[in-house]
Protein backbone atom coordinates (compact mmCIF):
# COMPACT_ATOMS: atom_id res chain seq x y z
CA MET A 1 -8.55 56.82 -96.05
CA ARG A 2 -10.60 59.18 -98.23
CA SER A 3 -13.62 56.98 -97.72
CA LYS A 4 -13.37 57.41 -93.94
CA ILE A 5 -12.93 61.15 -94.28
CA ALA A 6 -15.94 61.34 -96.59
CA LYS A 7 -18.05 59.32 -94.13
CA LEU A 8 -17.03 61.59 -91.25
CA SER A 9 -17.75 64.66 -93.35
CA ASN A 10 -21.24 63.37 -94.17
CA LEU A 11 -21.82 62.52 -90.53
CA PHE A 12 -20.90 66.00 -89.36
CA GLU A 13 -23.08 67.58 -92.06
CA ILE A 14 -26.20 65.99 -90.58
CA MET A 15 -25.24 66.86 -87.02
CA SER A 16 -26.89 70.29 -87.07
CA THR A 17 -29.79 69.49 -89.39
CA GLN A 18 -30.71 65.99 -88.19
CA PRO A 19 -29.46 65.58 -84.62
CA ARG A 20 -31.42 62.37 -83.98
CA GLU A 21 -30.02 60.76 -87.11
CA PHE A 22 -26.52 61.87 -86.08
CA TYR A 23 -27.02 60.45 -82.59
CA GLY A 24 -28.32 57.14 -83.94
CA ARG A 25 -25.40 56.70 -86.28
CA VAL A 26 -22.82 57.54 -83.62
CA VAL A 27 -24.42 55.13 -81.14
CA THR A 28 -24.44 52.37 -83.77
CA MET A 29 -20.77 52.96 -84.57
CA VAL A 30 -19.73 52.92 -80.93
CA GLU A 31 -21.79 49.84 -80.08
CA SER A 32 -20.41 47.90 -83.04
CA ARG A 33 -16.86 48.65 -81.95
CA ILE A 34 -17.22 47.90 -78.23
CA ASP A 35 -19.47 44.85 -78.58
CA PRO A 36 -16.57 42.37 -78.98
CA TYR A 37 -15.04 43.62 -75.74
CA LEU A 38 -18.29 43.26 -73.83
CA ARG A 39 -18.77 39.66 -74.95
CA LYS A 40 -15.42 38.39 -73.70
CA ALA A 41 -15.46 36.24 -70.61
CA PRO A 42 -13.45 37.59 -67.68
CA ARG A 43 -9.92 36.23 -67.47
CA TYR A 44 -9.26 34.84 -64.04
CA GLU A 45 -8.28 31.60 -62.44
CA PRO A 46 -9.36 30.26 -59.07
CA VAL A 47 -6.69 30.23 -56.39
CA GLU A 48 -6.38 28.47 -53.07
CA TRP A 49 -7.58 30.43 -50.04
CA ARG A 50 -4.21 30.32 -48.29
CA ALA A 51 -2.41 31.67 -51.39
CA LEU A 52 -4.98 34.47 -51.68
CA VAL A 53 -4.60 35.51 -48.04
CA ASP A 54 -0.80 35.44 -48.32
CA ARG A 55 -0.82 37.51 -51.53
CA LEU A 56 -3.27 40.05 -50.08
CA SER A 57 -1.13 40.38 -46.96
CA GLU A 58 1.92 40.99 -49.12
CA CYS A 59 0.20 43.56 -51.35
CA LEU A 60 -1.51 45.45 -48.52
CA GLY A 61 1.40 45.27 -46.09
CA VAL A 62 -0.84 44.01 -43.29
CA ASN A 63 -1.64 40.61 -41.89
CA VAL A 64 -4.98 39.90 -43.56
CA GLU A 65 -5.44 36.74 -41.51
CA ASP A 66 -5.60 38.80 -38.32
CA THR A 67 -8.32 40.93 -39.88
CA LEU A 68 -10.29 37.82 -40.85
CA ARG A 69 -10.23 36.66 -37.23
CA GLU A 70 -11.71 39.89 -35.82
CA ASP A 71 -14.54 39.76 -33.31
CA GLU A 72 -16.90 41.49 -35.75
CA LEU A 73 -16.67 38.52 -38.10
CA LYS A 74 -17.52 36.18 -35.24
CA GLN A 75 -20.56 38.36 -34.58
CA VAL A 76 -21.62 38.00 -38.19
CA GLU A 77 -21.23 34.22 -37.94
CA ASP A 78 -23.33 34.19 -34.77
CA GLU A 79 -26.00 36.33 -36.45
CA VAL A 80 -26.17 33.93 -39.40
CA VAL A 81 -26.60 30.98 -37.04
CA ARG A 82 -29.31 32.84 -35.07
CA GLY A 83 -31.10 33.66 -38.31
CA LEU A 84 -31.00 30.05 -39.45
CA ARG A 85 -32.31 28.89 -36.08
CA GLY A 86 -35.02 31.54 -36.31
CA VAL A 87 -36.43 29.99 -39.46
CA GLY A 88 -36.41 26.51 -37.95
CA VAL A 89 -33.19 25.07 -39.36
CA SER A 90 -31.91 22.20 -37.23
CA ALA A 91 -28.44 22.18 -35.65
CA ARG A 92 -27.41 19.37 -38.02
CA ASP A 93 -28.57 21.41 -41.04
CA ILE A 94 -26.74 24.51 -39.76
CA ILE A 95 -23.54 22.46 -39.58
CA SER A 96 -24.14 21.19 -43.13
CA ILE A 97 -24.77 24.74 -44.39
CA LEU A 98 -21.62 26.08 -42.70
CA GLN A 99 -19.58 23.17 -44.07
CA ALA A 100 -20.88 23.89 -47.58
CA ILE A 101 -19.98 27.57 -47.20
CA LYS A 102 -16.50 26.59 -46.01
CA THR A 103 -16.09 24.11 -48.90
CA ALA A 104 -17.04 26.89 -51.34
CA GLY A 105 -14.23 28.99 -49.87
CA ALA A 106 -16.50 31.65 -48.42
CA LEU A 107 -15.74 30.79 -44.80
CA ASN A 108 -12.21 30.89 -43.47
CA ALA A 109 -12.68 29.27 -40.11
CA ASP A 110 -12.45 25.95 -38.37
CA LEU A 111 -15.82 24.55 -37.40
CA GLU A 112 -15.80 23.55 -33.74
CA MET A 113 -18.56 21.52 -32.13
CA GLN A 114 -19.43 22.50 -28.58
């Protein structure tokens, strides 16, 4: 305990006479203590889309599925398709792209061919 107090005392002694040295030492101490926390991988597990929507609906007290079916989202989908067509992507490739997005879980819709 005395060793820690002595180190802190020495640190504060240089604070007014050598501010850059003080700053450098404090930064080094902080970085060495937070580094293990920054290196940890996030703790999460993938969940099924349906379970996520149900849990969100429960937590928010609203029907999230209704929100996901709003007209604005259809407009976004249409804009994506127009953009893909604009760069020369074929209809077959657009379907493949949309299926891949749906498989990845980023599209909650049924693909309908017209």
